[in-house]
Amino acid sequence: MSPTVGGPTTTGGGHGLAGVADAGAFLARLVRLDRAAVVRLRPAPEGGRTALWARLPWGVLVVRTVAGAGPGDVTVAAGELLSELERGGTALPGPRDAQWRWPLPPPVSRPVELLPVADVRRIAEAAAGTLRSAATHGVAGRAVGQRALRDALLDHVAVVVTPEDTPDAPPVEVPQRLVQGLVRMGFLGAAPAAGAAPPGDGRVQVRVAGRWVGLVGPYGASWSQKPGGLVVRPVH
């Protein structure tokens, strides 16, 4: 089995997370979006830290790295781990490795653009406003189902980036679903007060790794894989 699709469980009896507040914030938002979500804990490349991976209901992967060596590579129920952290426990919930069915992006990616946090936030807010307006008034005077509206907005290309270092490369398209993943998981941080500086350097990185496109914010990242060119032909 691929090491990025449900690797072996290696635990030392506890969750091993030192960044409990950061992990709790990630898990709380995840569980609000999907009560049945699972979270995959993997050692981070920098050592002494753990990457928390999850898949959102609209098909993007999100990740936040927190302090603590963690239990190794293991998937558990997000709600169970959140409950353990909230009561100050150190136990690791029972493994759910078989429920992790998705590949992860390659460990090495390259930046192609920097976007101001404020612009990314405005893109997300505009989409939410469009959804509310269309749900209330319809589109061109016609009622449209809430799910159809949501799916159309998520598929909308919110940002198009032309890599300056490789001008012959195709443009990088950032769909709204990636933006929503970043915002809904709180990876931009709280909106700053008027005149205050945004968290971090105030930028969001657009990164690519093969067919993967990612948005990396101050507190985490969202990733999605572009559809491949697989062609299915009937067997005679």
C-alpha atoms as a PDB file:
ATOM      1  CA  MET A   1       0.000   0.000   0.000  1.00  0.00           C
ATOM      2  CA  SER A   2       1.224   3.487  -0.799  1.00  0.00           C
ATOM      3  CA  PRO A   3       2.708   5.259   2.232  1.00  0.00           C
ATOM      4  CA  THR A   4       0.450   8.225   1.540  1.00  0.00           C
ATOM      5  CA  VAL A   5      -2.787   6.227   1.544  1.00  0.00           C
ATOM      6  CA  GLY A   6      -3.248   4.729   4.977  1.00  0.00           C
ATOM      7  CA  GLY A   7       0.200   3.682   6.132  1.00  0.00           C
ATOM      8  CA  PRO A   8       0.845   1.385   9.105  1.00  0.00           C
ATOM      9  CA  THR A   9      -0.145   2.475  12.576  1.00  0.00           C
ATOM     10  CA  THR A  10       2.759   3.165  14.927  1.00  0.00           C
ATOM     11  CA  THR A  11       1.765   4.403  18.362  1.00  0.00           C
ATOM     12  CA  GLY A  12       3.392   4.749  21.719  1.00  0.00           C
ATOM     13  CA  GLY A  13       0.142   4.615  23.659  1.00  0.00           C
ATOM     14  CA  GLY A  14      -0.733   8.313  23.470  1.00  0.00           C
ATOM     15  CA  HIS A  15      -1.441  11.036  20.946  1.00  0.00           C
ATOM     16  CA  GLY A  16       1.867  12.794  21.638  1.00  0.00           C
ATOM     17  CA  LEU A  17       0.535  16.241  20.698  1.00  0.00           C
ATOM     18  CA  ALA A  18       2.000  19.191  22.578  1.00  0.00           C
ATOM     19  CA  GLY A  19       0.180  21.856  20.536  1.00  0.00           C
ATOM     20  CA  VAL A  20      -3.165  20.973  22.084  1.00  0.00           C
ATOM     21  CA  ALA A  21      -4.774  24.389  21.484  1.00  0.00           C
ATOM     22  CA  ASP A  22      -3.799  24.399  17.801  1.00  0.00           C
ATOM     23  CA  ALA A  23      -4.892  20.797  17.296  1.00  0.00           C
ATOM     24  CA  GLY A  24      -8.146  21.453  19.128  1.00  0.00           C
ATOM     25  CA  ALA A  25      -8.954  24.462  16.930  1.00  0.00           C
ATOM     26  CA  PHE A  26      -8.342  22.377  13.796  1.00  0.00           C
ATOM     27  CA  LEU A  27     -10.445  19.447  15.034  1.00  0.00           C
ATOM     28  CA  ALA A  28     -13.310  21.636  16.289  1.00  0.00           C
ATOM     29  CA  ARG A  29     -13.741  23.279  12.891  1.00  0.00           C
ATOM     30  CA  LEU A  30     -13.407  19.934  11.130  1.00  0.00           C
ATOM     31  CA  VAL A  31     -16.075  18.271  13.270  1.00  0.00           C
ATOM     32  CA  ARG A  32     -18.459  21.198  12.739  1.00  0.00           C
ATOM     33  CA  LEU A  33     -18.166  20.615   8.996  1.00  0.00           C
ATOM     34  CA  ASP A  34     -18.316  16.807   9.194  1.00  0.00           C
ATOM     35  CA  ARG A  35     -19.152  15.053  12.455  1.00  0.00           C
ATOM     36  CA  ALA A  36     -17.948  11.719  11.062  1.00  0.00           C
ATOM     37  CA  ALA A  37     -14.600  13.045   9.814  1.00  0.00           C
ATOM     38  CA  VAL A  38     -11.373  11.203  10.395  1.00  0.00           C
ATOM     39  CA  VAL A  39      -8.001  12.868  10.885  1.00  0.00           C
ATOM     40  CA  ARG A  40      -4.651  11.451   9.855  1.00  0.00           C
ATOM     41  CA  LEU A  41      -1.672  12.217  12.070  1.00  0.00           C
ATOM     42  CA  ARG A  42       1.727  12.045  10.350  1.00  0.00           C
ATOM     43  CA  PRO A  43       5.216  13.089  11.466  1.00  0.00           C
ATOM     44  CA  ALA A  44       6.109  16.483   9.975  1.00  0.00           C
ATOM     45  CA  PRO A  45       9.373  16.747   7.994  1.00  0.00           C
ATOM     46  CA  GLU A  46      10.866  19.329  10.375  1.00  0.00           C
ATOM     47  CA  GLY A  47      10.808  16.881  13.304  1.00  0.00           C
ATOM     48  CA  GLY A  48       9.141  17.233  16.695  1.00  0.00           C
ATOM     49  CA  ARG A  49       5.884  18.258  15.022  1.00  0.00           C
ATOM     50  CA  THR A  50       2.838  16.451  13.662  1.00  0.00           C
ATOM     51  CA  ALA A  51       0.817  17.175  10.527  1.00  0.00           C
ATOM     52  CA  LEU A  52      -2.942  16.769  10.941  1.00  0.00           C
ATOM     53  CA  TRP A  53      -4.624  15.880   7.644  1.00  0.00           C
ATOM     54  CA  ALA A  54      -8.346  15.716   6.894  1.00  0.00           C
ATOM     55  CA  ARG A  55     -10.690  15.713   3.921  1.00  0.00           C
ATOM     56  CA  LEU A  56     -13.530  18.240   3.820  1.00  0.00           C
ATOM     57  CA  PRO A  57     -17.001  17.368   2.515  1.00  0.00           C
ATOM     58  CA  TRP A  58     -16.364  19.289  -0.724  1.00  0.00           C
ATOM     59  CA  GLY A  59     -13.343  17.182  -1.652  1.00  0.00           C
ATOM     60  CA  VAL A  60     -10.264  19.159  -0.609  1.00  0.00           C
ATOM     61  CA  LEU A  61      -7.571  18.061   1.791  1.00  0.00           C
ATOM     62  CA  VAL A  62      -6.577  20.361   4.629  1.00  0.00           C
ATOM     63  CA  VAL A  63      -3.540  20.199   6.887  1.00  0.00           C
ATOM     64  CA  ARG A  64      -2.281  21.954   9.990  1.00  0.00           C
ATOM     65  CA  THR A  65       1.059  21.243  11.651  1.00  0.00           C
ATOM     66  CA  VAL A  66       1.202  21.347  15.443  1.00  0.00           C
ATOM     67  CA  ALA A  67       3.865  20.881  18.092  1.00  0.00           C
ATOM     68  CA  GLY A  68       4.558  17.394  19.404  1.00  0.00           C
ATOM     69  CA  ALA A  69       6.149  14.279  17.949  1.00  0.00           C
ATOM     70  CA  GLY A  70       2.764  12.535  17.739  1.00  0.00           C
ATOM     71  CA  PRO A  71       2.008   8.813  17.580  1.00  0.00           C
ATOM     72  CA  GLY A  72       3.464   8.072  14.144  1.00  0.00           C
ATOM     73  CA  ASP A  73       1.283   7.611  11.063  1.00  0.00           C
ATOM     74  CA  VAL A  74      -2.236   6.818  12.221  1.00  0.00           C
ATOM     75  CA  THR A  75      -5.820   7.795  11.380  1.00  0.00           C
ATOM     76  CA  VAL A  76      -8.412   8.277  14.121  1.00  0.00           C
ATOM     77  CA  ALA A  77     -11.917   9.703  14.493  1.00  0.00           C
ATOM     78  CA  ALA A  78     -11.632  13.494  14.672  1.00  0.00           C
ATOM     79  CA  GLY A  79     -14.459  13.794  17.206  1.00  0.00           C
ATOM     80  CA  GLU A  80     -12.898  11.229  19.520  1.00  0.00           C
ATOM     81  CA  LEU A  81      -9.503  12.921  19.438  1.00  0.00           C
ATOM     82  CA  LEU A  82     -11.112  16.318  20.042  1.00  0.00           C
ATOM     83  CA  SER A  83     -12.953  14.958  23.089  1.00  0.00           C
ATOM     84  CA  GLU A  84      -9.699  13.535  24.455  1.00  0.00           C
ATOM     85  CA  LEU A  85      -7.901  16.862  24.035  1.00  0.00           C
ATOM     86  CA  GLU A  86     -10.767  18.833  25.596  1.00  0.00           C
ATOM     87  CA  ARG A  87     -10.640  16.754  28.768  1.00  0.00           C
ATOM     88  CA  GLY A  88      -6.859  17.056  28.977  1.00  0.00           C
ATOM     89  CA  GLY A  89      -6.244  13.400  28.221  1.00  0.00           C
ATOM     90  CA  THR A  90      -3.252  11.925  26.456  1.00  0.00           C
ATOM     91  CA  ALA A  91      -4.745   8.705  25.093  1.00  0.00           C
ATOM     92  CA  LEU A  92      -4.941   8.034  21.383  1.00  0.00           C
ATOM     93  CA  PRO A  93      -8.375   6.922  20.128  1.00  0.00           C
ATOM     94  CA  GLY A  94      -8.651   3.589  18.354  1.00  0.00           C
ATOM     95  CA  PRO A  95      -7.125   3.589  14.853  1.00  0.00           C
ATOM     96  CA  ARG A  96      -9.350   4.068  11.806  1.00  0.00           C
ATOM     97  CA  ASP A  97      -6.638   3.548   9.164  1.00  0.00           C
ATOM     98  CA  ALA A  98      -9.001   1.721   6.800  1.00  0.00           C
ATOM     99  CA  GLN A  99     -11.178   4.848   6.587  1.00  0.00           C
ATOM    100  CA  TRP A 100      -8.385   6.933   5.033  1.00  0.00           C
ATOM    101  CA  ARG A 101      -8.772   6.423   1.276  1.00  0.00           C
ATOM    102  CA  TRP A 102      -7.113   9.458  -0.283  1.00  0.00           C
ATOM    103  CA  PRO A 103      -3.605  10.167  -1.552  1.00  0.00           C
ATOM    104  CA  LEU A 104      -1.657  13.072  -0.113  1.00  0.00           C
ATOM    105  CA  PRO A 105       0.166  15.698  -2.169  1.00  0.00           C
ATOM    106  CA  PRO A 106       3.905  15.148  -2.699  1.00  0.00           C
ATOM    107  CA  PRO A 107       6.098  16.429   0.157  1.00  0.00           C
ATOM    108  CA  VAL A 108       7.911  18.866  -2.160  1.00  0.00           C
ATOM    109  CA  SER A 109       6.011  21.701  -3.847  1.00  0.00           C
ATOM    110  CA  ARG A 110       6.936  25.007  -5.427  1.00  0.00           C
ATOM    111  CA  PRO A 111       5.435  28.462  -4.904  1.00  0.00           C
ATOM    112  CA  VAL A 112       3.962  30.224  -7.939  1.00  0.00           C
ATOM    113  CA  GLU A 113       2.262  33.281  -6.446  1.00  0.00           C
ATOM    114  CA  LEU A 114       1.627  35.247  -3.264  1.00  0.00           C
ATOM    115  CA  LEU A 115      -1.873  36.558  -2.582  1.00  0.00           C
ATOM    116  CA  PRO A 116      -2.764  39.083   0.126  1.00  0.00           C
ATOM    117  CA  VAL A 117      -4.793  37.517   2.923  1.00  0.00           C
ATOM    118  CA  ALA A 118      -7.355  40.304   2.595  1.00  0.00           C
ATOM    119  CA  ASP A 119      -7.930  39.456  -1.083  1.00  0.00           C
ATOM    120  CA  VAL A 120      -8.451  35.762  -0.315  1.00  0.00           C
ATOM    121  CA  ARG A 121     -10.895  36.655   2.429  1.00  0.00           C
ATOM    122  CA  ARG A 122     -12.812  38.942   0.041  1.00  0.00           C
ATOM    123  CA  ILE A 123     -13.022  36.169  -2.564  1.00  0.00           C
ATOM    124  CA  ALA A 124     -14.562  33.832   0.011  1.00  0.00           C
ATOM    125  CA  GLU A 125     -16.990  36.461   1.281  1.00  0.00           C
ATOM    126  CA  ALA A 126     -18.101  37.334  -2.249  1.00  0.00           C
ATOM    127  CA  ALA A 127     -18.868  33.665  -2.944  1.00  0.00           C
ATOM    128  CA  ALA A 128     -20.880  33.395   0.263  1.00  0.00           C
ATOM    129  CA  GLY A 129     -22.823  36.528  -0.686  1.00  0.00           C
ATOM    130  CA  THR A 130     -23.524  35.142  -4.148  1.00  0.00           C
ATOM    131  CA  LEU A 131     -24.826  31.913  -2.630  1.00  0.00           C
ATOM    132  CA  ARG A 132     -27.140  33.758  -0.244  1.00  0.00           C
ATOM    133  CA  SER A 133     -28.466  36.015  -2.991  1.00  0.00           C
ATOM    134  CA  ALA A 134     -29.035  33.172  -5.448  1.00  0.00           C
ATOM    135  CA  ALA A 135     -30.734  31.045  -2.789  1.00  0.00           C
ATOM    136  CA  THR A 136     -33.098  33.918  -1.993  1.00  0.00           C
ATOM    137  CA  HIS A 137     -33.756  35.393  -5.431  1.00  0.00           C
ATOM    138  CA  GLY A 138     -32.761  32.611  -7.807  1.00  0.00           C
ATOM    139  CA  VAL A 139     -30.607  32.947 -10.909  1.00  0.00           C
ATOM    140  CA  ALA A 140     -32.045  35.014 -13.751  1.00  0.00           C
ATOM    141  CA  GLY A 141     -35.382  34.827 -11.997  1.00  0.00           C
ATOM    142  CA  ARG A 142     -35.344  31.027 -11.756  1.00  0.00           C
ATOM    143  CA  ALA A 143     -35.087  29.024  -8.557  1.00  0.00           C
ATOM    144  CA  VAL A 144     -31.994  26.832  -8.299  1.00  0.00           C
ATOM    145  CA  GLY A 145     -31.355  24.049  -5.799  1.00  0.00           C
ATOM    146  CA  GLN A 146     -29.051  24.882  -2.887  1.00  0.00           C
ATOM    147  CA  ARG A 147     -26.744  21.970  -3.636  1.00  0.00           C
ATOM    148  CA  ALA A 148     -26.462  22.858  -7.323  1.00  0.00           C
ATOM    149  CA  LEU A 149     -25.612  26.441  -6.395  1.00  0.00           C
ATOM    150  CA  ARG A 150     -22.990  25.335  -3.887  1.00  0.00           C
ATOM    151  CA  ASP A 151     -21.348  22.914  -6.309  1.00  0.00           C
ATOM    152  CA  ALA A 152     -21.243  25.505  -9.089  1.00  0.00           C
ATOM    153  CA  LEU A 153     -19.598  28.040  -6.792  1.00  0.00           C
ATOM    154  CA  LEU A 154     -17.061  25.538  -5.480  1.00  0.00           C
ATOM    155  CA  ASP A 155     -16.068  24.618  -9.033  1.00  0.00           C
ATOM    156  CA  HIS A 156     -15.683  28.257 -10.045  1.00  0.00           C
ATOM    157  CA  VAL A 157     -12.077  29.268 -10.716  1.00  0.00           C
ATOM    158  CA  ALA A 158     -11.440  32.044  -8.217  1.00  0.00           C
ATOM    159  CA  VAL A 159      -7.829  32.869  -9.158  1.00  0.00           C
ATOM    160  CA  VAL A 160      -5.716  32.204 -12.251  1.00  0.00           C
ATOM    161  CA  VAL A 161      -1.938  32.426 -11.867  1.00  0.00           C
ATOM    162  CA  THR A 162       0.619  32.449 -14.688  1.00  0.00           C
ATOM    163  CA  PRO A 163       3.946  31.240 -13.267  1.00  0.00           C
ATOM    164  CA  GLU A 164       6.588  33.892 -13.974  1.00  0.00           C
ATOM    165  CA  ASP A 165       9.508  31.467 -13.716  1.00  0.00           C
ATOM    166  CA  THR A 166       8.041  29.134 -16.356  1.00  0.00           C
ATOM    167  CA  PRO A 167       6.086  31.333 -18.793  1.00  0.00           C
ATOM    168  CA  ASP A 168       5.440  28.387 -21.127  1.00  0.00           C
ATOM    169  CA  ALA A 169       3.698  26.431 -18.374  1.00  0.00           C
ATOM    170  CA  PRO A 170      -0.108  26.373 -18.346  1.00  0.00           C
ATOM    171  CA  PRO A 171      -1.843  28.782 -15.965  1.00  0.00           C
ATOM    172  CA  VAL A 172      -2.517  27.538 -12.442  1.00  0.00           C
ATOM    173  CA  GLU A 173      -6.222  27.617 -11.638  1.00  0.00           C
ATOM    174  CA  VAL A 174      -7.293  27.990  -8.020  1.00  0.00           C
ATOM    175  CA  PRO A 175     -10.903  26.842  -7.551  1.00  0.00           C
ATOM    176  CA  GLN A 176     -13.220  28.363  -5.003  1.00  0.00           C
ATOM    177  CA  ARG A 177     -13.272  25.056  -3.096  1.00  0.00           C
ATOM    178  CA  LEU A 178      -9.620  25.612  -2.125  1.00  0.00           C
ATOM    179  CA  VAL A 179     -10.372  29.137  -0.948  1.00  0.00           C
ATOM    180  CA  GLN A 180     -13.311  27.893   1.114  1.00  0.00           C
ATOM    181  CA  GLY A 181     -11.157  25.179   2.666  1.00  0.00           C
ATOM    182  CA  LEU A 182      -8.623  27.754   3.816  1.00  0.00           C
ATOM    183  CA  VAL A 183     -11.255  30.126   5.187  1.00  0.00           C
ATOM    184  CA  ARG A 184     -13.666  27.623   6.737  1.00  0.00           C
ATOM    185  CA  MET A 185     -10.822  25.925   8.609  1.00  0.00           C
ATOM    186  CA  GLY A 186      -9.636  29.245  10.050  1.00  0.00           C
ATOM    187  CA  PHE A 187      -6.252  29.116   8.345  1.00  0.00           C
ATOM    188  CA  LEU A 188      -6.305  32.871   7.649  1.00  0.00           C
ATOM    189  CA  GLY A 189      -6.809  33.684  11.306  1.00  0.00           C
ATOM    190  CA  ALA A 190      -9.340  36.164  12.613  1.00  0.00           C
ATOM    191  CA  ALA A 191     -10.060  39.197  10.477  1.00  0.00           C
ATOM    192  CA  PRO A 192      -7.823  42.004  11.808  1.00  0.00           C
ATOM    193  CA  ALA A 193      -9.290  45.159  13.234  1.00  0.00           C
ATOM    194  CA  ALA A 194      -9.190  48.251  11.066  1.00  0.00           C
ATOM    195  CA  GLY A 195      -5.606  49.399  10.660  1.00  0.00           C
ATOM    196  CA  ALA A 196      -4.120  46.247  12.256  1.00  0.00           C
ATOM    197  CA  ALA A 197      -1.654  44.021  10.434  1.00  0.00           C
ATOM    198  CA  PRO A 198      -2.850  40.548   9.337  1.00  0.00           C
ATOM    199  CA  PRO A 199      -1.250  37.458  10.934  1.00  0.00           C
ATOM    200  CA  GLY A 200       2.109  36.221   9.667  1.00  0.00           C
ATOM    201  CA  ASP A 201       3.343  38.079   6.626  1.00  0.00           C
ATOM    202  CA  GLY A 202      -0.207  38.737   5.452  1.00  0.00           C
ATOM    203  CA  ARG A 203       0.154  36.521   2.378  1.00  0.00           C
ATOM    204  CA  VAL A 204      -1.232  33.246   1.088  1.00  0.00           C
ATOM    205  CA  GLN A 205       1.031  31.118  -1.087  1.00  0.00           C
ATOM    206  CA  VAL A 206      -0.262  29.407  -4.204  1.00  0.00           C
ATOM    207  CA  ARG A 207       1.814  26.233  -4.574  1.00  0.00           C
ATOM    208  CA  VAL A 208       1.879  23.361  -7.053  1.00  0.00           C
ATOM    209  CA  ALA A 209       3.179  19.814  -6.778  1.00  0.00           C
ATOM    210  CA  GLY A 210       2.559  17.760  -9.898  1.00  0.00           C
ATOM    211  CA  ARG A 211      -1.207  17.781 -10.470  1.00  0.00           C
ATOM    212  CA  TRP A 212      -1.825  19.186  -6.996  1.00  0.00           C
ATOM    213  CA  VAL A 213      -2.639  22.832  -6.309  1.00  0.00           C
ATOM    214  CA  GLY A 214      -2.474  24.232  -2.799  1.00  0.00           C
ATOM    215  CA  LEU A 215      -3.169  27.395  -0.844  1.00  0.00           C
ATOM    216  CA  VAL A 216      -0.907  27.851   2.166  1.00  0.00           C
ATOM    217  CA  GLY A 217      -2.124  30.343   4.754  1.00  0.00           C
ATOM    218  CA  PRO A 218      -0.670  31.529   8.067  1.00  0.00           C
ATOM    219  CA  TYR A 219      -2.174  28.594  10.023  1.00  0.00           C
ATOM    220  CA  GLY A 220      -2.616  25.749   7.541  1.00  0.00           C
ATOM    221  CA  ALA A 221      -3.112  24.727   3.940  1.00  0.00           C
ATOM    222  CA  SER A 222      -5.747  23.332   1.602  1.00  0.00           C
ATOM    223  CA  TRP A 223      -4.921  21.091  -1.373  1.00  0.00           C
ATOM    224  CA  SER A 224      -6.781  19.609  -4.316  1.00  0.00           C
ATOM    225  CA  GLN A 225      -5.740  17.380  -7.169  1.00  0.00           C
ATOM    226  CA  LYS A 226      -6.529  18.361 -10.726  1.00  0.00           C
ATOM    227  CA  PRO A 227      -8.389  15.647 -12.644  1.00  0.00           C
ATOM    228  CA  GLY A 228      -6.058  13.403 -14.604  1.00  0.00           C
ATOM    229  CA  GLY A 229      -6.293  12.390 -18.209  1.00  0.00           C
ATOM    230  CA  LEU A 230      -7.431   8.825 -17.521  1.00  0.00           C
ATOM    231  CA  VAL A 231      -9.446   7.396 -20.395  1.00  0.00           C
ATOM    232  CA  VAL A 232     -11.645   4.356 -19.810  1.00  0.00           C
ATOM    233  CA  ARG A 233     -12.229   2.174 -22.836  1.00  0.00           C
ATOM    234  CA  PRO A 234     -14.553  -0.848 -23.038  1.00  0.00           C
ATOM    235  CA  VAL A 235     -12.912  -4.260 -23.177  1.00  0.00           C
ATOM    236  CA  HIS A 236     -14.101  -6.376 -26.091  1.00  0.00           C
END
